[in-house]
Amino acid sequence: MLPNSVREILEKEKESRKYSVMADILRILSLTFGRLWLFEIVNEINAFRRTLGISEDVSYDECLSVARELADKGIITFEEKIRGTFTSPKGVPDVLVGLKIRNIAPILASVDEKLRKYIEIRRKVFGSLR
């Protein structure tokens, strides 16, 4: 069963962009072993949305603000760190984001229509590559 805080986000997703981005962050984390850099989350959300035919992209700053709020709700971890890159020997500041409630991934996949649709599309695409 989904925690009430997660259920509330999914229920309010259509009411505001903030909740839509929150829901997408949770979806992406549930698809990717529960831990990603925020810049990766932004890229994955935008790819997720395009796959589903949603043309509205999200920005890093928008995801940063929403991720802070998810951390305040106790749903994710939010760690400001230096991320290594090939282009900067000193790395770049970023945020490492993780699901606090890791067991929500299979539950979310079973109750969330967008996530199920994305998984089905991905399964068809990768299945055709065999």
Protein backbone atom coordinates (compact mmCIF):
# COMPACT_ATOMS: atom_id res chain seq x y z
CA MET A 1 0.00 0.00 0.00
CA LEU A 2 1.25 3.46 -0.87
CA PRO A 3 1.99 5.86 1.97
CA ASN A 4 -0.60 8.64 2.29
CA SER A 5 1.94 11.29 1.32
CA VAL A 6 2.64 9.54 -2.01
CA ARG A 7 -1.05 8.84 -2.65
CA GLU A 8 -1.81 12.53 -2.06
CA ILE A 9 0.79 13.57 -4.65
CA LEU A 10 -0.68 11.25 -7.27
CA GLU A 11 -4.22 12.45 -6.51
CA LYS A 12 -3.20 16.14 -6.83
CA GLU A 13 -1.07 15.62 -9.94
CA LYS A 14 -3.71 16.98 -12.31
CA GLU A 15 -4.37 20.00 -10.07
CA SER A 16 -0.95 21.64 -10.33
CA ARG A 17 2.34 21.48 -12.14
CA LYS A 18 4.17 21.15 -8.82
CA TYR A 19 2.40 17.89 -7.99
CA SER A 20 2.87 16.67 -11.56
CA VAL A 21 6.64 17.15 -11.24
CA MET A 22 6.61 15.52 -7.79
CA ALA A 23 4.82 12.49 -9.21
CA ASP A 24 7.27 12.28 -12.11
CA ILE A 25 10.27 12.41 -9.77
CA LEU A 26 8.82 9.49 -7.81
CA ARG A 27 8.13 7.57 -11.02
CA ILE A 28 11.67 8.06 -12.31
CA LEU A 29 13.23 7.10 -8.99
CA SER A 30 11.09 3.97 -8.87
CA LEU A 31 12.32 3.02 -12.36
CA THR A 32 15.99 3.62 -11.61
CA PHE A 33 16.79 1.78 -8.39
CA GLY A 34 15.75 4.72 -6.22
CA ARG A 35 18.82 6.97 -6.45
CA LEU A 36 19.92 9.50 -9.09
CA TRP A 37 21.59 12.86 -9.47
CA LEU A 38 19.06 15.64 -9.96
CA PHE A 39 20.42 16.50 -13.42
CA GLU A 40 19.75 12.86 -14.41
CA ILE A 41 16.22 13.06 -13.00
CA VAL A 42 15.49 16.12 -15.16
CA ASN A 43 16.68 14.30 -18.29
CA GLU A 44 14.75 11.15 -17.40
CA ILE A 45 11.52 13.05 -16.66
CA ASN A 46 11.73 14.83 -19.99
CA ALA A 47 12.34 11.54 -21.82
CA PHE A 48 9.52 9.87 -19.84
CA ARG A 49 7.14 12.67 -20.79
CA ARG A 50 8.10 12.63 -24.47
CA THR A 51 7.59 8.86 -24.55
CA LEU A 52 4.05 9.39 -23.27
CA GLY A 53 3.38 12.22 -25.75
CA ILE A 54 3.64 15.03 -23.20
CA SER A 55 5.49 17.98 -24.72
CA GLU A 56 6.04 20.04 -21.54
CA ASP A 57 9.62 19.71 -20.32
CA VAL A 58 10.77 20.38 -16.77
CA SER A 59 13.78 22.47 -15.81
CA TYR A 60 16.53 21.77 -13.34
CA ASP A 61 15.43 24.65 -11.10
CA GLU A 62 11.83 23.44 -11.09
CA CYS A 63 12.92 19.93 -10.11
CA LEU A 64 15.27 21.32 -7.47
CA SER A 65 12.45 23.21 -5.78
CA VAL A 66 10.09 20.23 -5.92
CA ALA A 67 12.77 17.80 -4.71
CA ARG A 68 13.36 20.00 -1.65
CA GLU A 69 9.66 19.82 -0.90
CA LEU A 70 9.62 16.03 -1.31
CA ALA A 71 12.56 15.84 1.10
CA ASP A 72 10.69 18.04 3.60
CA LYS A 73 7.77 15.59 3.37
CA GLY A 74 10.18 12.76 4.22
CA ILE A 75 9.66 10.92 0.94
CA ILE A 76 13.15 11.35 -0.54
CA THR A 77 16.67 12.10 0.60
CA PHE A 78 18.31 15.28 -0.68
CA GLU A 79 22.11 15.50 -0.48
CA GLU A 80 24.01 18.45 -1.95
CA LYS A 81 27.29 17.05 -3.26
CA ILE A 82 29.91 17.37 -5.98
CA ARG A 83 29.18 15.19 -9.01
CA GLY A 84 32.11 13.99 -11.07
CA THR A 85 32.17 14.75 -14.78
CA PHE A 86 34.52 14.19 -17.70
CA THR A 87 34.55 17.91 -18.48
CA SER A 88 35.39 19.36 -15.07
CA PRO A 89 38.28 17.97 -13.02
CA LYS A 90 36.79 19.47 -9.84
CA GLY A 91 33.28 18.19 -10.52
CA VAL A 92 30.06 20.18 -10.43
CA PRO A 93 27.63 20.88 -7.60
CA ASP A 94 24.49 18.79 -7.83
CA VAL A 95 21.97 17.03 -5.62
CA LEU A 96 21.91 13.29 -5.04
CA VAL A 97 18.27 12.27 -4.63
CA GLY A 98 17.07 8.96 -3.23
CA LEU A 99 13.77 7.31 -2.38
CA LYS A 100 13.42 6.89 1.37
CA ILE A 101 10.63 4.36 0.94
CA ARG A 102 12.20 1.96 -1.56
CA ASN A 103 9.38 -0.57 -1.46
CA ILE A 104 7.01 1.90 -3.14
CA ALA A 105 8.51 1.16 -6.58
CA PRO A 106 6.55 -2.05 -7.29
CA ILE A 107 3.43 -0.64 -5.65
CA LEU A 108 3.64 2.53 -7.71
CA ALA A 109 4.09 0.49 -10.89
CA SER A 110 0.93 -1.43 -10.08
CA VAL A 111 -1.34 1.54 -9.30
CA ASP A 112 -0.04 4.40 -11.48
CA GLU A 113 -1.46 4.51 -15.01
CA LYS A 114 1.32 6.71 -16.47
CA LEU A 115 4.05 4.49 -15.10
CA ARG A 116 2.34 1.34 -16.35
CA LYS A 117 1.91 2.86 -19.81
CA TYR A 118 5.58 3.90 -19.93
CA ILE A 119 6.75 0.45 -18.82
CA GLU A 120 4.60 -1.16 -21.52
CA ILE A 121 5.98 1.14 -24.23
CA ARG A 122 9.53 0.49 -23.05
CA ARG A 123 8.90 -3.26 -22.99
CA LYS A 124 7.63 -3.17 -26.60
CA VAL A 125 10.56 -1.08 -27.83
CA PHE A 126 13.23 -3.18 -26.15
CA GLY A 127 11.42 -6.38 -27.06
CA SER A 128 11.56 -5.42 -30.75
CA LEU A 129 15.37 -5.10 -30.50
CA ARG A 130 15.87 -8.81 -29.80
